Amino acid sequence: MVTIRLPDGSQRQFDAPLTVAQVAASIGAGLAKAALAGKVDGKVVDTSFLIEQDADLAIITDKDADGLDVIRHSTAHLLAYAVKELFPDAQVTIGPVIENGFLLRFFLQASLYPGRPESH
């Protein structure tokens, strides 16, 4: 039996381990659709995270401060992937979430803008 404690103080019991997404779906379809991540015992995790023991859980949506960080982090990964697809030799050198978005820096042997002078 797994007991999930929610931020409003309520508890839900489940017969077997389950994911954050499954808990969200058990609460409601709207929450399941809006869920971006979860916070399990204070740690932000993906919705596919398997909860195997009793835990505190908050479902993170785009309305939460943590939700914005999750969106920014995921967007940074998507941009890095796209650059690597276009420039396979590119090296991602830094990529944190910052106050107003995210920062990605790449190291490239060639210019992104052929014919344009290099800027440093």
PDB file of N, CA and C in Angstrom:
ATOM      1  N   MET A   1       0.849  -1.185   0.000  1.00  0.00           N
ATOM      2  CA  MET A   1       0.000   0.000   0.000  1.00  0.00           C
ATOM      3  C   MET A   1       0.893   1.247   0.000  1.00  0.00           C
ATOM      4  N   VAL A   2       0.597   2.195  -0.864  1.00  0.00           N
ATOM      5  CA  VAL A   2       1.326   3.460  -0.959  1.00  0.00           C
ATOM      6  C   VAL A   2       0.368   4.586  -0.581  1.00  0.00           C
ATOM      7  N   THR A   3       0.773   5.402   0.382  1.00  0.00           N
ATOM      8  CA  THR A   3      -0.029   6.553   0.798  1.00  0.00           C
ATOM      9  C   THR A   3       0.614   7.818   0.260  1.00  0.00           C
ATOM     10  N   ILE A   4      -0.170   8.604  -0.445  1.00  0.00           N
ATOM     11  CA  ILE A   4       0.280   9.881  -1.006  1.00  0.00           C
ATOM     12  C   ILE A   4      -0.387  11.000  -0.228  1.00  0.00           C
ATOM     13  N   ARG A   5       0.441  11.889   0.324  1.00  0.00           N
ATOM     14  CA  ARG A   5      -0.057  13.065   1.048  1.00  0.00           C
ATOM     15  C   ARG A   5       0.019  14.264   0.099  1.00  0.00           C
ATOM     16  N   LEU A   6      -1.117  14.922  -0.097  1.00  0.00           N
ATOM     17  CA  LEU A   6      -1.215  16.057  -1.014  1.00  0.00           C
ATOM     18  C   LEU A   6      -1.087  17.380  -0.258  1.00  0.00           C
ATOM     19  N   PRO A   7      -0.770  18.464  -0.966  1.00  0.00           N
ATOM     20  CA  PRO A   7      -0.558  19.761  -0.305  1.00  0.00           C
ATOM     21  C   PRO A   7      -1.743  20.260   0.516  1.00  0.00           C
ATOM     22  N   ASP A   8      -2.963  19.867   0.151  1.00  0.00           N
ATOM     23  CA  ASP A   8      -4.141  20.324   0.906  1.00  0.00           C
ATOM     24  C   ASP A   8      -4.358  19.525   2.193  1.00  0.00           C
ATOM     25  N   GLY A   9      -3.440  18.577   2.461  1.00  0.00           N
ATOM     26  CA  GLY A   9      -3.538  17.768   3.670  1.00  0.00           C
ATOM     27  C   GLY A   9      -4.265  16.452   3.473  1.00  0.00           C
ATOM     28  N   SER A  10      -4.906  16.280   2.330  1.00  0.00           N
ATOM     29  CA  SER A  10      -5.606  15.014   2.077  1.00  0.00           C
ATOM     30  C   SER A  10      -4.608  13.912   1.750  1.00  0.00           C
ATOM     31  N   GLN A  11      -5.084  12.689   1.895  1.00  0.00           N
ATOM     32  CA  GLN A  11      -4.254  11.524   1.593  1.00  0.00           C
ATOM     33  C   GLN A  11      -5.000  10.613   0.642  1.00  0.00           C
ATOM     34  N   ARG A  12      -4.236   9.963  -0.226  1.00  0.00           N
ATOM     35  CA  ARG A  12      -4.801   8.972  -1.138  1.00  0.00           C
ATOM     36  C   ARG A  12      -3.978   7.705  -0.992  1.00  0.00           C
ATOM     37  N   GLN A  13      -4.664   6.584  -0.961  1.00  0.00           N
ATOM     38  CA  GLN A  13      -3.977   5.301  -0.839  1.00  0.00           C
ATOM     39  C   GLN A  13      -4.131   4.504  -2.129  1.00  0.00           C
ATOM     40  N   PHE A  14      -3.034   3.843  -2.488  1.00  0.00           N
ATOM     41  CA  PHE A  14      -2.986   3.048  -3.716  1.00  0.00           C
ATOM     42  C   PHE A  14      -2.437   1.671  -3.377  1.00  0.00           C
ATOM     43  N   ASP A  15      -2.926   0.661  -4.100  1.00  0.00           N
ATOM     44  CA  ASP A  15      -2.542  -0.721  -3.826  1.00  0.00           C
ATOM     45  C   ASP A  15      -1.123  -1.064  -4.265  1.00  0.00           C
ATOM     46  N   ALA A  16      -0.573  -0.283  -5.210  1.00  0.00           N
ATOM     47  CA  ALA A  16       0.745  -0.609  -5.769  1.00  0.00           C
ATOM     48  C   ALA A  16       1.486   0.686  -6.101  1.00  0.00           C
ATOM     49  N   PRO A  17       2.805   0.594  -6.312  1.00  0.00           N
ATOM     50  CA  PRO A  17       3.550   1.780  -6.749  1.00  0.00           C
ATOM     51  C   PRO A  17       2.913   2.371  -8.006  1.00  0.00           C
ATOM     52  N   LEU A  18       3.025   3.685  -8.155  1.00  0.00           N
ATOM     53  CA  LEU A  18       2.452   4.352  -9.314  1.00  0.00           C
ATOM     54  C   LEU A  18       3.241   5.611  -9.627  1.00  0.00           C
ATOM     55  N   THR A  19       3.024   6.127 -10.826  1.00  0.00           N
ATOM     56  CA  THR A  19       3.755   7.316 -11.269  1.00  0.00           C
ATOM     57  C   THR A  19       3.041   8.588 -10.821  1.00  0.00           C
ATOM     58  N   VAL A  20       3.771   9.681 -10.902  1.00  0.00           N
ATOM     59  CA  VAL A  20       3.183  10.997 -10.627  1.00  0.00           C
ATOM     60  C   VAL A  20       1.999  11.224 -11.569  1.00  0.00           C
ATOM     61  N   ALA A  21       2.160  10.854 -12.833  1.00  0.00           N
ATOM     62  CA  ALA A  21       1.079  11.027 -13.816  1.00  0.00           C
ATOM     63  C   ALA A  21      -0.161  10.228 -13.419  1.00  0.00           C
ATOM     64  N   GLN A  22       0.029   9.040 -12.906  1.00  0.00           N
ATOM     65  CA  GLN A  22      -1.113   8.227 -12.487  1.00  0.00           C
ATOM     66  C   GLN A  22      -1.831   8.829 -11.280  1.00  0.00           C
ATOM     67  N   VAL A  23      -1.063   9.410 -10.369  1.00  0.00           N
ATOM     68  CA  VAL A  23      -1.703  10.090  -9.228  1.00  0.00           C
ATOM     69  C   VAL A  23      -2.512  11.272  -9.750  1.00  0.00           C
ATOM     70  N   ALA A  24      -1.916  12.072 -10.641  1.00  0.00           N
ATOM     71  CA  ALA A  24      -2.624  13.224 -11.201  1.00  0.00           C
ATOM     72  C   ALA A  24      -3.915  12.775 -11.879  1.00  0.00           C
ATOM     73  N   ALA A  25      -3.866  11.691 -12.641  1.00  0.00           N
ATOM     74  CA  ALA A  25      -5.058  11.188 -13.337  1.00  0.00           C
ATOM     75  C   ALA A  25      -6.123  10.713 -12.355  1.00  0.00           C
ATOM     76  N   SER A  26      -5.672  10.172 -11.216  1.00  0.00           N
ATOM     77  CA  SER A  26      -6.645   9.714 -10.221  1.00  0.00           C
ATOM     78  C   SER A  26      -7.372  10.887  -9.567  1.00  0.00           C
ATOM     79  N   ILE A  27      -6.756  12.064  -9.608  1.00  0.00           N
ATOM     80  CA  ILE A  27      -7.380  13.265  -9.039  1.00  0.00           C
ATOM     81  C   ILE A  27      -8.350  13.870 -10.048  1.00  0.00           C
ATOM     82  N   GLY A  28      -7.946  13.879 -11.321  1.00  0.00           N
ATOM     83  CA  GLY A  28      -8.822  14.430 -12.346  1.00  0.00           C
ATOM     84  C   GLY A  28      -8.143  14.516 -13.697  1.00  0.00           C
ATOM     85  N   ALA A  29      -8.927  14.420 -14.761  1.00  0.00           N
ATOM     86  CA  ALA A  29      -8.393  14.461 -16.117  1.00  0.00           C
ATOM     87  C   ALA A  29      -7.738  15.798 -16.432  1.00  0.00           C
ATOM     88  N   GLY A  30      -8.315  16.884 -15.918  1.00  0.00           N
ATOM     89  CA  GLY A  30      -7.744  18.209 -16.163  1.00  0.00           C
ATOM     90  C   GLY A  30      -6.362  18.349 -15.544  1.00  0.00           C
ATOM     91  N   LEU A  31      -6.207  17.853 -14.326  1.00  0.00           N
ATOM     92  CA  LEU A  31      -4.903  17.908 -13.665  1.00  0.00           C
ATOM     93  C   LEU A  31      -3.905  17.006 -14.381  1.00  0.00           C
ATOM     94  N   ALA A  32      -4.351  15.844 -14.809  1.00  0.00           N
ATOM     95  CA  ALA A  32      -3.458  14.932 -15.535  1.00  0.00           C
ATOM     96  C   ALA A  32      -2.937  15.596 -16.811  1.00  0.00           C
ATOM     97  N   LYS A  33      -3.810  16.307 -17.505  1.00  0.00           N
ATOM     98  CA  LYS A  33      -3.409  16.978 -18.744  1.00  0.00           C
ATOM     99  C   LYS A  33      -2.474  18.155 -18.460  1.00  0.00           C
ATOM    100  N   ALA A  34      -2.693  18.852 -17.360  1.00  0.00           N
ATOM    101  CA  ALA A  34      -1.901  20.043 -17.026  1.00  0.00           C
ATOM    102  C   ALA A  34      -0.572  19.712 -16.340  1.00  0.00           C
ATOM    103  N   ALA A  35      -0.434  18.494 -15.836  1.00  0.00           N
ATOM    104  CA  ALA A  35       0.761  18.133 -15.064  1.00  0.00           C
ATOM    105  C   ALA A  35       2.023  18.210 -15.913  1.00  0.00           C
ATOM    106  N   LEU A  36       3.005  18.960 -15.421  1.00  0.00           N
ATOM    107  CA  LEU A  36       4.310  19.058 -16.075  1.00  0.00           C
ATOM    108  C   LEU A  36       5.347  18.203 -15.364  1.00  0.00           C
ATOM    109  N   ALA A  37       5.194  18.076 -14.060  1.00  0.00           N
ATOM    110  CA  ALA A  37       6.157  17.367 -13.214  1.00  0.00           C
ATOM    111  C   ALA A  37       5.492  17.151 -11.864  1.00  0.00           C
ATOM    112  N   GLY A  38       6.239  16.613 -10.950  1.00  0.00           N
ATOM    113  CA  GLY A  38       5.764  16.460  -9.585  1.00  0.00           C
ATOM    114  C   GLY A  38       6.859  16.845  -8.621  1.00  0.00           C
ATOM    115  N   LYS A  39       6.471  17.128  -7.406  1.00  0.00           N
ATOM    116  CA  LYS A  39       7.448  17.365  -6.345  1.00  0.00           C
ATOM    117  C   LYS A  39       7.191  16.283  -5.304  1.00  0.00           C
ATOM    118  N   VAL A  40       8.097  15.304  -5.258  1.00  0.00           N
ATOM    119  CA  VAL A  40       7.968  14.167  -4.352  1.00  0.00           C
ATOM    120  C   VAL A  40       8.933  14.373  -3.192  1.00  0.00           C
ATOM    121  N   ASP A  41       8.365  14.489  -1.999  1.00  0.00           N
ATOM    122  CA  ASP A  41       9.174  14.737  -0.799  1.00  0.00           C
ATOM    123  C   ASP A  41      10.163  15.887  -1.014  1.00  0.00           C
ATOM    124  N   GLY A  42       9.675  16.938  -1.700  1.00  0.00           N
ATOM    125  CA  GLY A  42      10.473  18.150  -1.889  1.00  0.00           C
ATOM    126  C   GLY A  42      11.379  18.161  -3.102  1.00  0.00           C
ATOM    127  N   LYS A  43      11.450  17.058  -3.844  1.00  0.00           N
ATOM    128  CA  LYS A  43      12.328  16.978  -5.014  1.00  0.00           C
ATOM    129  C   LYS A  43      11.495  16.991  -6.289  1.00  0.00           C
ATOM    130  N   VAL A  44      11.837  17.874  -7.238  1.00  0.00           N
ATOM    131  CA  VAL A  44      11.123  17.949  -8.509  1.00  0.00           C
ATOM    132  C   VAL A  44      11.506  16.743  -9.358  1.00  0.00           C
ATOM    133  N   VAL A  45      10.472  16.044  -9.860  1.00  0.00           N
ATOM    134  CA  VAL A  45      10.672  14.836 -10.663  1.00  0.00           C
ATOM    135  C   VAL A  45       9.751  14.868 -11.881  1.00  0.00           C
ATOM    136  N   ASP A  46      10.076  14.062 -12.872  1.00  0.00           N
ATOM    137  CA  ASP A  46       9.273  13.911 -14.070  1.00  0.00           C
ATOM    138  C   ASP A  46       7.946  13.223 -13.726  1.00  0.00           C
ATOM    139  N   THR A  47       6.952  13.409 -14.582  1.00  0.00           N
ATOM    140  CA  THR A  47       5.661  12.767 -14.327  1.00  0.00           C
ATOM    141  C   THR A  47       5.734  11.246 -14.442  1.00  0.00           C
ATOM    142  N   SER A  48       6.789  10.716 -15.050  1.00  0.00           N
ATOM    143  CA  SER A  48       6.952   9.264 -15.158  1.00  0.00           C
ATOM    144  C   SER A  48       7.636   8.667 -13.925  1.00  0.00           C
ATOM    145  N   PHE A  49       7.992   9.514 -12.961  1.00  0.00           N
ATOM    146  CA  PHE A  49       8.656   9.041 -11.742  1.00  0.00           C
ATOM    147  C   PHE A  49       7.762   8.069 -11.002  1.00  0.00           C
ATOM    148  N   LEU A  50       8.320   6.921 -10.639  1.00  0.00           N
ATOM    149  CA  LEU A  50       7.564   5.889  -9.931  1.00  0.00           C
ATOM    150  C   LEU A  50       7.666   6.103  -8.426  1.00  0.00           C
ATOM    151  N   ILE A  51       6.516   6.283  -7.796  1.00  0.00           N
ATOM    152  CA  ILE A  51       6.458   6.445  -6.341  1.00  0.00           C
ATOM    153  C   ILE A  51       6.229   5.060  -5.749  1.00  0.00           C
ATOM    154  N   GLU A  52       7.218   4.582  -5.023  1.00  0.00           N
ATOM    155  CA  GLU A  52       7.173   3.205  -4.518  1.00  0.00           C
ATOM    156  C   GLU A  52       6.884   3.113  -3.024  1.00  0.00           C
ATOM    157  N   GLN A  53       6.905   4.264  -2.345  1.00  0.00           N
ATOM    158  CA  GLN A  53       6.635   4.252  -0.902  1.00  0.00           C
ATOM    159  C   GLN A  53       5.849   5.501  -0.536  1.00  0.00           C
ATOM    160  N   ASP A  54       5.359   5.547   0.675  1.00  0.00           N
ATOM    161  CA  ASP A  54       4.596   6.709   1.139  1.00  0.00           C
ATOM    162  C   ASP A  54       5.383   7.983   0.864  1.00  0.00           C
ATOM    163  N   ALA A  55       4.666   9.027   0.406  1.00  0.00           N
ATOM    164  CA  ALA A  55       5.368  10.253   0.035  1.00  0.00           C
ATOM    165  C   ALA A  55       4.430  11.452   0.072  1.00  0.00           C
ATOM    166  N   ASP A  56       5.049  12.631   0.234  1.00  0.00           N
ATOM    167  CA  ASP A  56       4.353  13.897   0.020  1.00  0.00           C
ATOM    168  C   ASP A  56       4.460  14.188  -1.466  1.00  0.00           C
ATOM    169  N   LEU A  57       3.364  14.612  -2.099  1.00  0.00           N
ATOM    170  CA  LEU A  57       3.378  14.885  -3.536  1.00  0.00           C
ATOM    171  C   LEU A  57       2.612  16.152  -3.848  1.00  0.00           C
ATOM    172  N   ALA A  58       3.244  17.011  -4.641  1.00  0.00           N
ATOM    173  CA  ALA A  58       2.575  18.161  -5.240  1.00  0.00           C
ATOM    174  C   ALA A  58       2.683  17.991  -6.751  1.00  0.00           C
ATOM    175  N   ILE A  59       1.576  18.129  -7.451  1.00  0.00           N
ATOM    176  CA  ILE A  59       1.578  18.070  -8.908  1.00  0.00           C
ATOM    177  C   ILE A  59       1.922  19.471  -9.408  1.00  0.00           C
ATOM    178  N   ILE A  60       2.945  19.574 -10.246  1.00  0.00           N
ATOM    179  CA  ILE A  60       3.404  20.865 -10.762  1.00  0.00           C
ATOM    180  C   ILE A  60       2.761  21.121 -12.123  1.00  0.00           C
ATOM    181  N   THR A  61       2.138  22.309 -12.252  1.00  0.00           N
ATOM    182  CA  THR A  61       1.549  22.738 -13.525  1.00  0.00           C
ATOM    183  C   THR A  61       2.206  24.057 -13.931  1.00  0.00           C
ATOM    184  N   ASP A  62       1.797  24.582 -15.067  1.00  0.00           N
ATOM    185  CA  ASP A  62       2.375  25.848 -15.527  1.00  0.00           C
ATOM    186  C   ASP A  62       1.971  27.029 -14.648  1.00  0.00           C
ATOM    187  N   LYS A  63       1.067  26.819 -13.727  1.00  0.00           N
ATOM    188  CA  LYS A  63       0.665  27.895 -12.817  1.00  0.00           C
ATOM    189  C   LYS A  63       1.579  28.003 -11.597  1.00  0.00           C
ATOM    190  N   ASP A  64       2.468  27.027 -11.414  1.00  0.00           N
ATOM    191  CA  ASP A  64       3.385  27.013 -10.278  1.00  0.00           C
ATOM    192  C   ASP A  64       4.738  27.594 -10.666  1.00  0.00           C
ATOM    193  N   ALA A  65       5.424  28.200  -9.696  1.00  0.00           N
ATOM    194  CA  ALA A  65       6.768  28.731  -9.951  1.00  0.00           C
ATOM    195  C   ALA A  65       7.692  27.620 -10.440  1.00  0.00           C
ATOM    196  N   ASP A  66       7.599  26.445  -9.844  1.00  0.00           N
ATOM    197  CA  ASP A  66       8.418  25.320 -10.297  1.00  0.00           C
ATOM    198  C   ASP A  66       8.062  24.920 -11.726  1.00  0.00           C
ATOM    199  N   GLY A  67       6.815  25.139 -12.108  1.00  0.00           N
ATOM    200  CA  GLY A  67       6.380  24.803 -13.462  1.00  0.00           C
ATOM    201  C   GLY A  67       7.112  25.611 -14.505  1.00  0.00           C
ATOM    202  N   LEU A  68       7.301  26.882 -14.242  1.00  0.00           N
ATOM    203  CA  LEU A  68       8.040  27.734 -15.170  1.00  0.00           C
ATOM    204  C   LEU A  68       9.480  27.240 -15.315  1.00  0.00           C
ATOM    205  N   ASP A  69      10.101  26.848 -14.220  1.00  0.00           N
ATOM    206  CA  ASP A  69      11.464  26.304 -14.286  1.00  0.00           C
ATOM    207  C   ASP A  69      11.501  25.009 -15.099  1.00  0.00           C
ATOM    208  N   VAL A  70      10.499  24.160 -14.923  1.00  0.00           N
ATOM    209  CA  VAL A  70      10.434  22.907 -15.686  1.00  0.00           C
ATOM    210  C   VAL A  70      10.311  23.213 -17.176  1.00  0.00           C
ATOM    211  N   ILE A  71       9.443  24.161 -17.532  1.00  0.00           N
ATOM    212  CA  ILE A  71       9.277  24.542 -18.944  1.00  0.00           C
ATOM    213  C   ILE A  71      10.578  25.092 -19.499  1.00  0.00           C
ATOM    214  N   ARG A  72      11.232  25.962 -18.761  1.00  0.00           N
ATOM    215  CA  ARG A  72      12.498  26.533 -19.229  1.00  0.00           C
ATOM    216  C   ARG A  72      13.569  25.463 -19.379  1.00  0.00           C
ATOM    217  N   HIS A  73      13.658  24.570 -18.424  1.00  0.00           N
ATOM    218  CA  HIS A  73      14.655  23.494 -18.482  1.00  0.00           C
ATOM    219  C   HIS A  73      14.399  22.600 -19.699  1.00  0.00           C
ATOM    220  N   SER A  74      13.155  22.217 -19.903  1.00  0.00           N
ATOM    221  CA  SER A  74      12.808  21.360 -21.037  1.00  0.00           C
ATOM    222  C   SER A  74      13.061  22.067 -22.362  1.00  0.00           C
ATOM    223  N   THR A  75      12.741  23.349 -22.433  1.00  0.00           N
ATOM    224  CA  THR A  75      12.963  24.120 -23.652  1.00  0.00           C
ATOM    225  C   THR A  75      14.450  24.216 -23.964  1.00  0.00           C
ATOM    226  N   ALA A  76      15.271  24.381 -22.946  1.00  0.00           N
ATOM    227  CA  ALA A  76      16.722  24.413 -23.148  1.00  0.00           C
ATOM    228  C   ALA A  76      17.201  23.088 -23.746  1.00  0.00           C
ATOM    229  N   HIS A  77      16.675  21.975 -23.258  1.00  0.00           N
ATOM    230  CA  HIS A  77      17.054  20.664 -23.811  1.00  0.00           C
ATOM    231  C   HIS A  77      16.627  20.553 -25.275  1.00  0.00           C
ATOM    232  N   LEU A  78      15.433  21.033 -25.597  1.00  0.00           N
ATOM    233  CA  LEU A  78      14.959  20.972 -26.981  1.00  0.00           C
ATOM    234  C   LEU A  78      15.829  21.819 -27.902  1.00  0.00           C
ATOM    235  N   LEU A  79      16.199  23.013 -27.460  1.00  0.00           N
ATOM    236  CA  LEU A  79      17.058  23.866 -28.271  1.00  0.00           C
ATOM    237  C   LEU A  79      18.429  23.224 -28.465  1.00  0.00           C
ATOM    238  N   ALA A  80      18.998  22.675 -27.397  1.00  0.00           N
ATOM    239  CA  ALA A  80      20.298  22.012 -27.506  1.00  0.00           C
ATOM    240  C   ALA A  80      20.221  20.848 -28.491  1.00  0.00           C
ATOM    241  N   TYR A  81      19.147  20.081 -28.424  1.00  0.00           N
ATOM    242  CA  TYR A  81      18.970  18.962 -29.347  1.00  0.00           C
ATOM    243  C   TYR A  81      18.888  19.453 -30.795  1.00  0.00           C
ATOM    244  N   ALA A  82      18.135  20.525 -31.024  1.00  0.00           N
ATOM    245  CA  ALA A  82      17.986  21.070 -32.374  1.00  0.00           C
ATOM    246  C   ALA A  82      19.328  21.558 -32.917  1.00  0.00           C
ATOM    247  N   VAL A  83      20.095  22.253 -32.097  1.00  0.00           N
ATOM    248  CA  VAL A  83      21.415  22.737 -32.539  1.00  0.00           C
ATOM    249  C   VAL A  83      22.321  21.554 -32.864  1.00  0.00           C
ATOM    250  N   LYS A  84      22.281  20.510 -32.019  1.00  0.00           N
ATOM    251  CA  LYS A  84      23.108  19.323 -32.275  1.00  0.00           C
ATOM    252  C   LYS A  84      22.684  18.607 -33.560  1.00  0.00           C
ATOM    253  N   GLU A  85      21.401  18.652 -33.885  1.00  0.00           N
ATOM    254  CA  GLU A  85      20.935  18.058 -35.142  1.00  0.00           C
ATOM    255  C   GLU A  85      21.495  18.830 -36.334  1.00  0.00           C
ATOM    256  N   LEU A  86      21.508  20.157 -36.231  1.00  0.00           N
ATOM    257  CA  LEU A  86      22.007  20.995 -37.324  1.00  0.00           C
ATOM    258  C   LEU A  86      23.528  21.052 -37.380  1.00  0.00           C
ATOM    259  N   PHE A  87      24.155  21.006 -36.212  1.00  0.00           N
ATOM    260  CA  PHE A  87      25.611  21.114 -36.090  1.00  0.00           C
ATOM    261  C   PHE A  87      26.107  19.993 -35.173  1.00  0.00           C
ATOM    262  N   PRO A  88      26.286  18.780 -35.717  1.00  0.00           N
ATOM    263  CA  PRO A  88      26.625  17.624 -34.872  1.00  0.00           C
ATOM    264  C   PRO A  88      27.894  17.793 -34.041  1.00  0.00           C
ATOM    265  N   ASP A  89      28.824  18.630 -34.489  1.00  0.00           N
ATOM    266  CA  ASP A  89      30.066  18.825 -33.742  1.00  0.00           C
ATOM    267  C   ASP A  89      29.941  19.878 -32.643  1.00  0.00           C
ATOM    268  N   ALA A  90      28.794  20.525 -32.555  1.00  0.00           N
ATOM    269  CA  ALA A  90      28.593  21.549 -31.525  1.00  0.00           C
ATOM    270  C   ALA A  90      28.672  20.912 -30.143  1.00  0.00           C
ATOM    271  N   GLN A  91      29.280  21.636 -29.234  1.00  0.00           N
ATOM    272  CA  GLN A  91      29.344  21.182 -27.843  1.00  0.00           C
ATOM    273  C   GLN A  91      28.538  22.145 -26.991  1.00  0.00           C
ATOM    274  N   VAL A  92      27.604  21.627 -26.241  1.00  0.00           N
ATOM    275  CA  VAL A  92      26.844  22.452 -25.303  1.00  0.00           C
ATOM    276  C   VAL A  92      27.748  22.655 -24.097  1.00  0.00           C
ATOM    277  N   THR A  93      28.036  23.919 -23.775  1.00  0.00           N
ATOM    278  CA  THR A  93      28.991  24.173 -22.695  1.00  0.00           C
ATOM    279  C   THR A  93      28.331  24.630 -21.401  1.00  0.00           C
ATOM    280  N   ILE A  94      27.125  25.191 -21.487  1.00  0.00           N
ATOM    281  CA  ILE A  94      26.422  25.627 -20.277  1.00  0.00           C
ATOM    282  C   ILE A  94      24.945  25.738 -20.615  1.00  0.00           C
ATOM    283  N   GLY A  95      24.087  25.498 -19.653  1.00  0.00           N
ATOM    284  CA  GLY A  95      22.665  25.554 -19.971  1.00  0.00           C
ATOM    285  C   GLY A  95      21.741  25.684 -18.784  1.00  0.00           C
ATOM    286  N   PRO A  96      22.010  26.585 -17.849  1.00  0.00           N
ATOM    287  CA  PRO A  96      21.118  26.684 -16.695  1.00  0.00           C
ATOM    288  C   PRO A  96      19.855  27.506 -16.963  1.00  0.00           C
ATOM    289  N   VAL A  97      18.851  27.242 -16.143  1.00  0.00           N
ATOM    290  CA  VAL A  97      17.676  28.102 -16.092  1.00  0.00           C
ATOM    291  C   VAL A  97      18.108  29.358 -15.345  1.00  0.00           C
ATOM    292  N   ILE A  98      17.723  30.519 -15.874  1.00  0.00           N
ATOM    293  CA  ILE A  98      18.041  31.791 -15.218  1.00  0.00           C
ATOM    294  C   ILE A  98      16.743  32.536 -14.923  1.00  0.00           C
ATOM    295  N   GLU A  99      16.854  33.689 -14.312  1.00  0.00           N
ATOM    296  CA  GLU A  99      15.677  34.425 -13.840  1.00  0.00           C
ATOM    297  C   GLU A  99      14.624  34.676 -14.920  1.00  0.00           C
ATOM    298  N   ASN A 100      15.067  35.012 -16.128  1.00  0.00           N
ATOM    299  CA  ASN A 100      14.119  35.377 -17.179  1.00  0.00           C
ATOM    300  C   ASN A 100      14.106  34.402 -18.346  1.00  0.00           C
ATOM    301  N   GLY A 101      14.521  33.176 -18.142  1.00  0.00           N
ATOM    302  CA  GLY A 101      14.525  32.196 -19.228  1.00  0.00           C
ATOM    303  C   GLY A 101      15.539  31.108 -18.965  1.00  0.00           C
ATOM    304  N   PHE A 102      16.409  30.898 -19.939  1.00  0.00           N
ATOM    305  CA  PHE A 102      17.493  29.941 -19.782  1.00  0.00           C
ATOM    306  C   PHE A 102      18.667  30.415 -20.611  1.00  0.00           C
ATOM    307  N   LEU A 103      19.831  29.906 -20.298  1.00  0.00           N
ATOM    308  CA  LEU A 103      21.055  30.292 -20.987  1.00  0.00           C
ATOM    309  C   LEU A 103      21.670  29.047 -21.590  1.00  0.00           C
ATOM    310  N   LEU A 104      21.977  29.104 -22.867  1.00  0.00           N
ATOM    311  CA  LEU A 104      22.711  28.028 -23.520  1.00  0.00           C
ATOM    312  C   LEU A 104      23.906  28.639 -24.226  1.00  0.00           C
ATOM    313  N   ARG A 105      25.041  28.018 -24.039  1.00  0.00           N
ATOM    314  CA  ARG A 105      26.241  28.417 -24.774  1.00  0.00           C
ATOM    315  C   ARG A 105      26.752  27.193 -25.499  1.00  0.00           C
ATOM    316  N   PHE A 106      27.205  27.422 -26.716  1.00  0.00           N
ATOM    317  CA  PHE A 106      27.725  26.343 -27.541  1.00  0.00           C
ATOM    318  C   PHE A 106      29.144  26.674 -27.972  1.00  0.00           C
ATOM    319  N   PHE A 107      29.942  25.651 -28.135  1.00  0.00           N
ATOM    320  CA  PHE A 107      31.262  25.792 -28.728  1.00  0.00           C
ATOM    321  C   PHE A 107      31.176  25.152 -30.107  1.00  0.00           C
ATOM    322  N   LEU A 108      31.501  25.949 -31.129  1.00  0.00           N
ATOM    323  CA  LEU A 108      31.469  25.468 -32.507  1.00  0.00           C
ATOM    324  C   LEU A 108      32.798  25.755 -33.178  1.00  0.00           C
ATOM    325  N   GLN A 109      33.244  24.844 -34.010  1.00  0.00           N
ATOM    326  CA  GLN A 109      34.465  25.075 -34.791  1.00  0.00           C
ATOM    327  C   GLN A 109      34.193  26.063 -35.922  1.00  0.00           C
ATOM    328  N   ALA A 110      32.983  26.052 -36.462  1.00  0.00           N
ATOM    329  CA  ALA A 110      32.627  26.908 -37.585  1.00  0.00           C
ATOM    330  C   ALA A 110      31.616  27.956 -37.135  1.00  0.00           C
ATOM    331  N   SER A 111      31.525  29.028 -37.884  1.00  0.00           N
ATOM    332  CA  SER A 111      30.568  30.084 -37.582  1.00  0.00           C
ATOM    333  C   SER A 111      29.152  29.646 -37.944  1.00  0.00           C
ATOM    334  N   LEU A 112      28.187  30.099 -37.162  1.00  0.00           N
ATOM    335  CA  LEU A 112      26.786  29.885 -37.514  1.00  0.00           C
ATOM    336  C   LEU A 112      26.394  30.741 -38.707  1.00  0.00           C
ATOM    337  N   TYR A 113      27.183  31.769 -38.946  1.00  0.00           N
ATOM    338  CA  TYR A 113      26.904  32.731 -40.003  1.00  0.00           C
ATOM    339  C   TYR A 113      28.099  32.800 -40.950  1.00  0.00           C
ATOM    340  N   PRO A 114      28.222  31.894 -41.905  1.00  0.00           N
ATOM    341  CA  PRO A 114      29.359  31.920 -42.838  1.00  0.00           C
ATOM    342  C   PRO A 114      29.452  33.269 -43.539  1.00  0.00           C
ATOM    343  N   GLY A 115      30.673  33.768 -43.662  1.00  0.00           N
ATOM    344  CA  GLY A 115      30.903  35.048 -44.307  1.00  0.00           C
ATOM    345  C   GLY A 115      30.820  36.236 -43.374  1.00  0.00           C
ATOM    346  N   ARG A 116      30.322  36.041 -42.170  1.00  0.00           N
ATOM    347  CA  ARG A 116      30.219  37.124 -41.192  1.00  0.00           C
ATOM    348  C   ARG A 116      31.446  37.078 -40.292  1.00  0.00           C
ATOM    349  N   PRO A 117      32.024  38.236 -39.964  1.00  0.00           N
ATOM    350  CA  PRO A 117      33.197  38.241 -39.072  1.00  0.00           C
ATOM    351  C   PRO A 117      32.859  37.617 -37.717  1.00  0.00           C
ATOM    352  N   GLU A 118      33.832  36.896 -37.173  1.00  0.00           N
ATOM    353  CA  GLU A 118      33.662  36.283 -35.855  1.00  0.00           C
ATOM    354  C   GLU A 118      33.572  37.375 -34.787  1.00  0.00           C
ATOM    355  N   SER A 119      32.697  37.216 -33.824  1.00  0.00           N
ATOM    356  CA  SER A 119      32.654  38.142 -32.684  1.00  0.00           C
ATOM    357  C   SER A 119      33.045  37.367 -31.450  1.00  0.00           C
ATOM    358  N   HIS A 120      33.693  38.017 -30.545  1.00  0.00           N
ATOM    359  CA  HIS A 120      34.165  37.340 -29.317  1.00  0.00           C
ATOM    360  C   HIS A 120      33.637  38.003 -28.098  1.00  0.00           C
TER     361      HIS A 120
END
